[in-house]
N, C-alpha and C. Protein backbone atom coordinates (compact mmCIF):
# COMPACT_ATOMS: atom_id res chain seq x y z
N UNK A 1 -7.44 13.01 -5.63
CA UNK A 1 -6.78 11.76 -5.30
C UNK A 1 -7.42 10.64 -6.12
N UNK A 2 -6.64 9.64 -6.42
CA UNK A 2 -7.11 8.49 -7.19
C UNK A 2 -8.01 7.59 -6.35
N UNK A 3 -8.48 6.56 -6.98
CA UNK A 3 -9.32 5.57 -6.30
C UNK A 3 -8.59 4.98 -5.09
N UNK A 4 -9.33 4.71 -4.04
CA UNK A 4 -8.74 4.15 -2.83
C UNK A 4 -8.33 2.69 -3.07
N UNK A 5 -7.10 2.39 -2.74
CA UNK A 5 -6.57 1.03 -2.88
C UNK A 5 -6.48 0.32 -1.54
N UNK A 6 -6.66 1.07 -0.49
CA UNK A 6 -6.47 0.56 0.87
C UNK A 6 -7.82 0.39 1.56
N UNK A 7 -8.04 -0.73 2.20
CA UNK A 7 -9.27 -0.98 2.96
C UNK A 7 -8.99 -0.59 4.41
N UNK A 8 -9.61 0.51 4.85
CA UNK A 8 -9.34 1.07 6.18
C UNK A 8 -9.59 0.06 7.30
N UNK A 9 -10.63 -0.75 7.17
CA UNK A 9 -10.93 -1.71 8.23
C UNK A 9 -9.82 -2.76 8.38
N UNK A 10 -9.17 -3.11 7.27
CA UNK A 10 -8.07 -4.09 7.33
C UNK A 10 -6.82 -3.45 7.95
N UNK A 11 -6.59 -2.17 7.63
CA UNK A 11 -5.47 -1.47 8.24
C UNK A 11 -5.69 -1.37 9.74
N UNK A 12 -6.91 -1.04 10.12
CA UNK A 12 -7.26 -0.92 11.53
C UNK A 12 -6.97 -2.22 12.28
N UNK A 13 -7.21 -3.36 11.65
CA UNK A 13 -6.94 -4.65 12.27
C UNK A 13 -5.45 -4.82 12.59
N UNK A 14 -4.60 -4.17 11.81
CA UNK A 14 -3.15 -4.29 12.01
C UNK A 14 -2.59 -3.25 12.98
N UNK A 15 -3.35 -2.21 13.24
CA UNK A 15 -2.88 -1.13 14.12
C UNK A 15 -3.10 -1.52 15.58
N UNK A 16 -2.12 -2.19 16.14
CA UNK A 16 -2.20 -2.66 17.51
C UNK A 16 -0.87 -2.45 18.22
N UNK A 17 -0.93 -2.38 19.53
CA UNK A 17 0.29 -2.35 20.32
C UNK A 17 0.99 -3.70 20.17
N UNK A 18 2.30 -3.74 20.41
CA UNK A 18 3.00 -5.03 20.36
C UNK A 18 2.28 -6.06 21.24
N UNK A 19 2.13 -7.24 20.72
CA UNK A 19 1.40 -8.29 21.43
C UNK A 19 -0.06 -8.33 21.03
N UNK A 20 -0.54 -7.28 20.37
CA UNK A 20 -1.90 -7.26 19.83
C UNK A 20 -3.01 -7.17 20.84
N UNK A 21 -2.71 -6.75 22.06
CA UNK A 21 -3.75 -6.74 23.09
C UNK A 21 -4.58 -5.46 23.10
N UNK A 22 -4.06 -4.40 22.49
CA UNK A 22 -4.77 -3.13 22.50
C UNK A 22 -4.66 -2.46 21.14
N UNK A 23 -5.79 -1.94 20.65
CA UNK A 23 -5.81 -1.27 19.36
C UNK A 23 -5.22 0.13 19.44
N UNK A 24 -4.64 0.56 18.34
CA UNK A 24 -4.21 1.94 18.18
C UNK A 24 -5.26 2.66 17.33
N UNK A 25 -5.38 3.96 17.49
CA UNK A 25 -6.28 4.75 16.67
C UNK A 25 -5.61 5.07 15.34
N UNK A 26 -6.41 5.29 14.32
CA UNK A 26 -5.91 5.68 13.00
C UNK A 26 -6.34 7.12 12.72
N UNK A 27 -5.42 7.91 12.20
CA UNK A 27 -5.80 9.26 11.80
C UNK A 27 -6.64 9.19 10.53
N UNK A 28 -7.39 10.24 10.28
CA UNK A 28 -8.28 10.25 9.11
C UNK A 28 -7.51 10.21 7.79
N UNK A 29 -6.26 10.66 7.79
CA UNK A 29 -5.50 10.69 6.55
C UNK A 29 -4.64 9.47 6.29
N UNK A 30 -4.63 8.51 7.19
CA UNK A 30 -3.75 7.35 7.03
C UNK A 30 -4.07 6.54 5.79
N UNK A 31 -5.32 6.23 5.55
CA UNK A 31 -5.69 5.43 4.37
C UNK A 31 -5.28 6.12 3.07
N UNK A 32 -5.49 7.43 3.02
CA UNK A 32 -5.10 8.19 1.83
C UNK A 32 -3.60 8.18 1.61
N UNK A 33 -2.84 8.33 2.69
CA UNK A 33 -1.39 8.32 2.60
C UNK A 33 -0.88 6.95 2.16
N UNK A 34 -1.50 5.90 2.69
CA UNK A 34 -1.11 4.54 2.28
C UNK A 34 -1.45 4.29 0.82
N UNK A 35 -2.60 4.80 0.38
CA UNK A 35 -2.98 4.67 -1.03
C UNK A 35 -1.94 5.33 -1.93
N UNK A 36 -1.51 6.53 -1.58
CA UNK A 36 -0.48 7.21 -2.38
C UNK A 36 0.81 6.42 -2.42
N UNK A 37 1.21 5.86 -1.29
CA UNK A 37 2.44 5.06 -1.23
C UNK A 37 2.33 3.81 -2.11
N UNK A 38 1.19 3.14 -2.05
CA UNK A 38 0.97 1.95 -2.87
C UNK A 38 0.99 2.32 -4.35
N UNK A 39 0.37 3.45 -4.70
CA UNK A 39 0.39 3.91 -6.09
C UNK A 39 1.83 4.13 -6.57
N UNK A 40 2.66 4.72 -5.73
CA UNK A 40 4.06 4.96 -6.08
C UNK A 40 4.80 3.64 -6.30
N UNK A 41 4.57 2.68 -5.43
CA UNK A 41 5.22 1.38 -5.55
C UNK A 41 4.80 0.69 -6.84
N UNK A 42 3.51 0.73 -7.15
CA UNK A 42 3.00 0.08 -8.37
C UNK A 42 3.55 0.77 -9.61
N UNK A 43 3.54 2.10 -9.62
CA UNK A 43 4.06 2.85 -10.77
C UNK A 43 5.53 2.53 -11.02
N UNK A 44 6.31 2.49 -9.95
CA UNK A 44 7.74 2.16 -10.08
C UNK A 44 7.92 0.74 -10.61
N UNK A 45 7.13 -0.19 -10.12
CA UNK A 45 7.21 -1.58 -10.57
C UNK A 45 6.84 -1.70 -12.05
N UNK A 46 5.84 -0.97 -12.47
CA UNK A 46 5.43 -0.99 -13.89
C UNK A 46 6.55 -0.47 -14.78
N UNK A 47 7.18 0.63 -14.37
CA UNK A 47 8.28 1.20 -15.14
C UNK A 47 9.43 0.20 -15.25
N UNK A 48 9.72 -0.48 -14.16
CA UNK A 48 10.82 -1.46 -14.16
C UNK A 48 10.51 -2.61 -15.11
N UNK A 49 9.27 -3.08 -15.10
CA UNK A 49 8.88 -4.17 -16.01
C UNK A 49 9.06 -3.74 -17.46
N UNK A 50 8.62 -2.53 -17.78
CA UNK A 50 8.74 -2.01 -19.14
C UNK A 50 10.21 -1.88 -19.53
N UNK A 51 11.02 -1.34 -18.62
CA UNK A 51 12.46 -1.18 -18.89
C UNK A 51 13.14 -2.52 -19.14
N UNK A 52 12.58 -3.59 -18.59
CA UNK A 52 13.14 -4.92 -18.78
C UNK A 52 12.46 -5.68 -19.92
N UNK A 53 11.66 -4.96 -20.71
CA UNK A 53 11.05 -5.54 -21.90
C UNK A 53 9.91 -6.51 -21.62
N UNK A 54 9.26 -6.37 -20.48
CA UNK A 54 8.17 -7.27 -20.12
C UNK A 54 6.84 -6.52 -20.09
N UNK A 55 5.77 -7.27 -20.31
CA UNK A 55 4.42 -6.72 -20.17
C UNK A 55 3.74 -7.26 -18.91
N UNK A 56 4.49 -7.99 -18.12
CA UNK A 56 3.98 -8.54 -16.86
C UNK A 56 4.77 -7.94 -15.70
N UNK A 57 4.06 -7.35 -14.74
CA UNK A 57 4.71 -6.83 -13.54
C UNK A 57 4.85 -7.99 -12.57
N UNK A 58 6.08 -8.19 -12.10
CA UNK A 58 6.39 -9.32 -11.23
C UNK A 58 6.83 -8.85 -9.85
N UNK A 59 6.87 -9.80 -8.93
CA UNK A 59 7.31 -9.51 -7.56
C UNK A 59 8.68 -8.85 -7.57
N UNK A 60 9.56 -9.32 -8.43
CA UNK A 60 10.91 -8.77 -8.46
C UNK A 60 10.96 -7.31 -8.89
N UNK A 61 9.87 -6.79 -9.46
CA UNK A 61 9.82 -5.38 -9.85
C UNK A 61 9.58 -4.47 -8.64
N UNK A 62 9.11 -5.06 -7.56
CA UNK A 62 8.90 -4.27 -6.35
C UNK A 62 10.21 -4.15 -5.62
């Protein structure tokens, strides 16, 4: 697997029941799965920028 792009402690802060009063547990593979998803999004955005003749990846590429 590639370098981790996801900070597990920040994800944990977001894993809460509605209303934020109680935390949810995170599985050990969640950070890795999120990293893979982010890598896919970035790769797709880079390809789109190149296809549009740009060297800058922009929000609209996501």
